[in-house]
Protein backbone atom coordinates (compact mmCIF):
# COMPACT_ATOMS: atom_id res chain seq x y z
CA MET A 1 9.23 -1.61 -30.40
CA THR A 2 10.42 0.43 -27.41
CA ILE A 3 10.38 -0.02 -23.64
CA ARG A 4 8.26 3.12 -23.45
CA ARG A 5 5.54 1.56 -25.59
CA LEU A 6 5.65 -1.65 -23.57
CA ARG A 7 5.22 0.36 -20.35
CA THR A 8 2.21 2.05 -21.90
CA LEU A 9 0.72 -1.30 -22.91
CA ILE A 10 1.15 -2.59 -19.35
CA ALA A 11 -0.48 0.55 -17.96
CA ILE A 12 -3.50 0.01 -20.23
CA ALA A 13 -3.74 -3.63 -19.13
CA ASP A 14 -3.62 -2.57 -15.46
CA LYS A 15 -5.93 0.46 -15.68
CA LYS A 16 -8.35 -1.00 -18.30
CA THR A 17 -8.75 2.22 -20.32
CA PHE A 18 -6.53 4.43 -22.46
CA SER A 19 -7.55 7.51 -20.45
CA ALA A 20 -6.59 6.01 -17.09
CA ALA A 21 -3.32 4.70 -18.53
CA ALA A 22 -2.53 8.19 -19.86
CA ASP A 23 -2.49 9.50 -16.26
CA VAL A 24 -0.04 6.77 -15.25
CA VAL A 25 2.48 7.30 -18.05
CA HIS A 26 1.92 11.09 -18.14
CA VAL A 27 0.96 11.52 -21.81
CA THR A 28 -2.25 12.50 -23.60
CA HIS A 29 -4.97 10.07 -24.65
CA ALA A 30 -4.05 10.76 -28.28
CA ALA A 31 -0.39 9.90 -27.61
CA ILE A 32 -1.46 6.62 -25.97
CA SER A 33 -3.45 5.70 -29.07
CA GLN A 34 -0.55 6.58 -31.37
CA GLN A 35 1.89 4.51 -29.30
CA MET A 36 -0.38 1.47 -29.42
CA GLN A 37 -0.92 1.77 -33.16
CA ALA A 38 2.84 1.95 -33.62
CA LEU A 39 3.37 -1.08 -31.35
CA GLU A 40 0.77 -3.11 -33.27
CA SER A 41 2.54 -2.15 -36.48
CA ASP A 42 5.95 -3.15 -35.03
CA LEU A 43 4.66 -6.53 -33.87
CA ASP A 44 2.21 -7.08 -36.75
CA VAL A 45 -0.35 -8.16 -34.15
CA ALA A 46 -3.79 -6.75 -33.29
CA LEU A 47 -3.42 -5.97 -29.59
CA PHE A 48 -6.83 -4.35 -29.12
CA ASP A 49 -10.38 -5.02 -30.21
CA ARG A 50 -11.57 -1.54 -31.21
CA SER A 51 -15.10 -2.60 -32.14
CA THR A 52 -16.19 -1.94 -28.56
CA ARG A 53 -16.70 1.53 -27.09
CA THR A 54 -13.65 1.01 -24.87
CA PRO A 55 -10.84 -0.84 -26.70
CA GLU A 56 -10.18 -4.21 -25.08
CA LEU A 57 -7.11 -6.43 -25.26
CA THR A 58 -7.36 -9.29 -27.71
CA PRO A 59 -6.21 -12.80 -26.69
CA ASP A 60 -2.92 -12.07 -28.46
CA GLY A 61 -2.77 -8.75 -26.64
CA HIS A 62 -3.00 -10.50 -23.27
CA LYS A 63 -0.14 -12.80 -24.27
CA VAL A 64 2.01 -9.84 -25.30
CA VAL A 65 1.31 -8.10 -21.98
CA ILE A 66 2.67 -11.11 -20.07
CA LYS A 67 5.89 -11.03 -22.10
CA ALA A 68 6.06 -7.22 -21.85
CA ARG A 69 6.01 -7.36 -18.04
CA LYS A 70 9.01 -9.68 -18.05
CA LEU A 71 10.92 -7.58 -20.59
CA VAL A 72 10.32 -4.33 -18.68
CA GLU A 73 11.31 -5.95 -15.39
CA GLU A 74 14.52 -7.29 -16.93
CA TYR A 75 15.25 -3.88 -18.45
CA ASP A 76 14.73 -2.11 -15.09
CA ASN A 77 17.05 -4.59 -13.39
CA LEU A 78 19.74 -4.42 -16.08
CA VAL A 79 21.95 -1.90 -14.28
CA PRO A 80 21.74 -3.52 -10.80
CA ILE A 81 22.65 -6.89 -12.31
CA ALA A 82 25.54 -5.49 -14.37
CA LEU A 83 26.99 -3.39 -11.55
CA GLY A 84 26.28 -5.84 -8.78
CA ASP A 85 25.14 -2.98 -6.52
CA GLY A 86 21.93 -4.67 -5.39
CA GLY A 87 19.93 -1.59 -6.38
CA LEU A 88 21.70 0.87 -4.06
CA ALA A 89 22.74 3.08 -6.99
CA ARG A 90 19.22 3.14 -8.43
CA ASN A 91 15.74 4.34 -7.55
CA ILE A 92 13.62 2.31 -5.14
CA THR A 93 9.87 2.54 -5.63
CA LEU A 94 8.26 1.83 -2.28
CA GLY A 95 4.56 1.39 -1.59
CA ALA A 96 3.19 2.31 1.82
CA ILE A 97 -0.17 2.01 3.52
CA ARG A 98 -1.56 5.39 4.54
CA THR A 99 -1.27 4.84 8.31
CA THR A 100 2.53 4.81 7.97
CA LEU A 101 2.86 7.96 5.86
CA THR A 102 3.01 10.43 8.76
CA GLY A 103 5.02 8.33 11.21
CA LEU A 104 6.96 5.21 10.28
CA THR A 105 7.67 5.84 6.60
CA PRO A 106 9.23 9.34 6.87
CA LYS A 107 11.27 8.39 9.93
CA ALA A 108 12.62 5.22 8.32
CA MET A 109 13.33 6.86 4.98
CA SER A 110 15.27 9.60 6.77
CA ILE A 111 17.45 6.91 8.35
CA LEU A 112 17.91 5.24 4.95
CA LYS A 113 18.82 8.46 3.13
CA SER A 114 21.34 9.45 5.79
CA LYS A 115 23.11 6.14 5.15
CA PHE A 116 22.72 6.12 1.35
CA PRO A 117 22.25 9.73 0.17
CA GLU A 118 22.52 8.75 -3.51
CA LEU A 119 19.64 6.27 -3.33
CA GLY A 120 16.55 7.55 -5.11
CA LEU A 121 13.20 7.06 -3.37
CA ARG A 122 9.70 7.08 -4.82
CA ILE A 123 6.83 6.58 -2.38
CA ARG A 124 3.39 5.42 -3.57
CA PRO A 125 0.54 5.26 -1.03
CA GLY A 126 -2.16 2.63 -1.29
CA LEU A 127 -4.23 -0.06 0.38
CA THR A 128 -2.63 -3.41 1.20
CA GLY A 129 -4.50 -5.36 -1.51
CA ALA A 130 -3.60 -2.89 -4.25
CA LEU A 131 0.03 -2.73 -3.12
CA PHE A 132 0.36 -6.53 -3.27
CA LEU A 133 -0.90 -6.45 -6.86
CA GLU A 134 1.60 -3.74 -7.79
CA ILE A 135 4.44 -5.81 -6.27
CA GLU A 136 3.37 -8.84 -8.32
CA ARG A 137 3.19 -6.73 -11.50
CA GLY A 138 6.63 -5.23 -10.89
CA VAL A 139 5.30 -1.67 -10.51
CA LEU A 140 6.77 -1.51 -6.97
CA ASP A 141 10.06 -2.87 -5.64
CA ALA A 142 8.68 -3.34 -2.13
CA ALA A 143 5.79 -2.15 0.04
CA ILE A 144 4.94 -1.57 3.68
CA VAL A 145 1.70 -3.51 4.13
CA ILE A 146 -0.48 -5.43 6.54
CA LYS A 147 -0.03 -9.20 6.44
CA PRO A 148 -3.02 -10.85 4.72
CA ASN A 149 -4.35 -14.29 5.57
CA LEU A 150 -2.41 -15.71 2.62
CA VAL A 151 0.77 -14.25 1.11
CA PRO A 152 0.74 -14.81 -2.68
CA SER A 153 3.22 -17.30 -4.11
CA GLY A 154 6.47 -15.71 -5.22
CA LEU A 155 6.33 -12.94 -2.63
CA ILE A 156 8.11 -12.64 0.72
CA PHE A 157 6.54 -10.92 3.75
CA ARG A 158 9.00 -9.75 6.42
CA GLU A 159 7.41 -8.88 9.76
CA LEU A 160 8.11 -5.50 11.36
CA ALA A 161 5.62 -5.09 14.22
CA ASN A 162 2.30 -6.19 15.66
CA GLU A 163 -0.07 -3.27 16.19
CA SER A 164 -2.97 -4.01 18.52
CA LEU A 165 -6.33 -2.39 17.85
CA GLN A 166 -7.71 0.03 20.44
CA LEU A 167 -10.79 2.11 21.01
CA ILE A 168 -10.49 5.87 20.78
CA THR A 169 -12.89 8.41 22.22
CA SER A 170 -12.89 12.10 23.06
CA ILE A 171 -10.73 13.36 25.89
CA GLU A 172 -13.87 14.47 27.79
CA GLU A 173 -15.40 10.96 27.79
CA GLU A 174 -15.61 9.53 31.35
CA GLU A 175 -16.67 5.94 30.55
CA GLN A 176 -13.69 3.53 30.49
CA ASP A 177 -15.37 0.27 29.43
CA PRO A 178 -14.81 -0.21 25.67
CA LEU A 179 -17.79 -2.56 25.29
CA LYS A 180 -20.17 -0.11 26.95
CA LEU A 181 -18.84 2.69 24.80
CA LEU A 182 -19.34 0.70 21.61
CA ARG A 183 -22.91 -0.16 22.59
CA SER A 184 -23.92 3.33 23.70
CA ARG A 185 -22.00 5.82 21.54
CA PRO A 186 -22.14 6.58 17.81
CA PHE A 187 -19.60 4.41 15.98
CA ILE A 188 -17.21 5.75 13.33
CA ARG A 189 -16.24 2.74 11.25
CA TYR A 190 -12.80 2.10 9.79
CA ASP A 191 -13.18 1.32 6.07
CA ARG A 192 -14.39 -2.30 5.98
CA ASN A 193 -12.67 -2.86 2.61
CA THR A 194 -9.28 -2.75 4.33
CA VAL A 195 -7.55 -5.53 6.26
CA VAL A 196 -7.97 -3.55 9.49
CA GLY A 197 -11.62 -2.86 8.79
CA ALA A 198 -12.27 -6.59 8.41
CA LEU A 199 -10.40 -7.32 11.67
CA ILE A 200 -12.55 -4.77 13.50
CA ASP A 201 -15.78 -6.14 12.04
CA ASN A 202 -14.88 -9.69 13.04
CA TRP A 203 -13.99 -8.65 16.61
CA ILE A 204 -17.20 -6.65 17.05
CA SER A 205 -19.23 -9.62 15.76
CA SER A 206 -17.41 -12.00 18.12
CA LYS A 207 -18.47 -9.78 21.05
CA ARG A 208 -22.08 -9.69 19.78
CA ILE A 209 -22.07 -5.91 19.84
CA GLN A 210 -24.63 -3.94 17.83
CA VAL A 211 -23.02 -0.61 16.99
CA SER A 212 -24.79 2.53 15.85
CA GLU A 213 -22.73 3.45 12.80
CA THR A 214 -22.68 7.12 11.83
CA MET A 215 -19.93 7.19 9.19
CA GLU A 216 -17.24 5.09 7.52
CA LEU A 217 -13.82 6.59 6.76
CA ASP A 218 -10.59 5.28 5.26
CA SER A 219 -8.27 7.82 6.90
CA PRO A 220 -7.09 7.29 10.51
CA GLU A 221 -6.40 11.03 10.76
CA ALA A 222 -9.95 11.86 9.68
CA ILE A 223 -11.37 9.31 12.14
CA ALA A 224 -9.32 10.78 14.99
CA SER A 225 -10.52 14.29 14.09
CA MET A 226 -14.17 13.16 14.18
CA VAL A 227 -13.65 11.42 17.51
CA HIS A 228 -11.83 14.47 18.90
CA ALA A 229 -14.86 16.57 17.95
CA GLY A 230 -17.09 14.30 20.05
CA LEU A 231 -18.93 12.76 17.11
CA GLY A 232 -18.47 9.18 18.24
CA VAL A 233 -15.98 6.44 19.10
CA SER A 234 -13.90 4.26 16.84
CA ILE A 235 -11.43 1.39 16.75
CA VAL A 236 -8.03 2.02 15.15
CA PRO A 237 -4.52 0.50 15.21
CA ASN A 238 -2.10 1.49 17.96
CA LEU A 239 0.59 2.61 15.53
CA ALA A 240 4.19 1.52 16.08
CA ILE A 241 5.21 5.13 15.35
CA LYS A 242 2.60 7.81 15.89
CA PRO A 243 2.49 11.03 13.85
CA ILE A 244 4.19 13.99 15.52
CA ASP A 245 1.07 16.13 15.28
CA SER A 246 -1.48 13.40 16.03
CA THR A 247 -4.95 14.51 17.16
CA SER A 248 -5.52 14.36 20.91
CA VAL A 249 -7.92 11.52 21.80
CA LYS A 250 -8.36 9.10 24.69
CA ARG A 251 -7.10 5.57 23.92
CA ILE A 252 -8.61 2.51 25.62
CA GLY A 253 -7.35 -1.06 25.25
CA LEU A 254 -9.71 -3.82 24.12
CA GLY A 255 -8.48 -6.37 26.64
CA ALA A 256 -6.55 -9.63 26.42
CA GLU A 257 -8.39 -10.74 23.27
CA ALA A 258 -7.73 -7.51 21.39
CA PRO A 259 -7.14 -8.16 17.67
CA PHE A 260 -3.95 -6.93 16.08
CA ARG A 261 -2.53 -6.37 12.64
CA THR A 262 0.94 -7.43 11.54
CA LEU A 263 2.90 -4.72 9.79
CA GLY A 264 5.67 -5.77 7.42
CA LEU A 265 7.60 -5.31 4.21
CA VAL A 266 6.69 -7.35 1.13
CA HIS A 267 8.79 -7.87 -2.00
CA ARG A 268 9.28 -10.42 -4.77
CA GLN A 269 11.21 -13.59 -3.94
CA ASN A 270 13.68 -13.17 -6.80
CA GLU A 271 14.11 -9.41 -6.38
CA VAL A 272 17.33 -8.16 -8.03
CA LYS A 273 17.46 -5.06 -5.81
CA LYS A 274 17.67 -7.30 -2.74
CA ARG A 275 20.47 -5.42 -1.00
CA ALA A 276 18.60 -2.13 -1.29
CA ILE A 277 15.41 -3.76 0.00
CA ASP A 278 17.35 -5.28 2.91
CA GLU A 279 18.50 -1.75 3.78
CA VAL A 280 14.90 -0.49 3.58
CA PHE A 281 13.82 -3.23 5.98
CA GLU A 282 16.72 -2.42 8.33
CA ALA A 283 15.78 1.28 8.34
CA LEU A 284 12.14 0.43 9.12
CA SER A 285 13.20 -1.90 11.94
CA GLN A 286 15.56 0.72 13.37
CA ALA A 287 12.87 3.39 13.30
CA ILE A 288 10.46 1.14 15.21
CA GLN A 289 13.08 0.09 17.76
CA SER A 290 14.15 3.67 18.45
CA SER A 291 10.53 4.73 18.85
CA SER A 292 9.76 1.96 21.35
CA ALA A 293 12.86 2.91 23.36
CA ASP A 294 11.72 6.57 23.68
């Protein structure tokens, strides 16, 4: 039994198929199958039911996965515990929602790397829900996310900034009333499967506005490009740090009752790399503070 095989088993449990797991651990489908056969032989346990078209974990397989997660996590934290460096001499795997990838994340990580040049950084983009799951599974050390209604037990959410939602329209648009614009212009919807998308839907419903939806996108940059081209209006977050090359659009506030999202850093409560994560949080905070002072 090796840590490599346990990582592969966890990848299969997370991704549901051997093929998808192969992309995660960067080996061929055949190599995945060979590793799992070897692991079953090592443990003398049938981990998969191969009578189905797609092999599925057996009840014993599910039990082994739970133990494997703990063993892999303990293995990954072995050096930080032994050296007492809090993770600063290791790699940090950080998740980040896409709206921070061209503003907040690069600026903050530049601050962090200037202070700790030996610290390794791995950045994985994703949606808030998926990033929370990867934190719980130990795939990520921490993640920049939007605060959900309920933070899962065992995780800590540390607030960074509140980003109010605002309407964007083309520079040439003369109307200034956001409600009139939403009622009379084509609406480009922010992906409703995201936390922000749900916030926007709820606010629009509370105002009893019937929008004329023309498209639904999950990229703020793509939305801004469509709005810039005069294809409609949209509602997006007023980012704490805007991209340097952000698309030129007109931004209109939604008034005193404007919804907002809370941006923050999430990590496990008993995280061994706590000092490194504290430094990540400090770098993020510093980046936001310096941006607001500009």
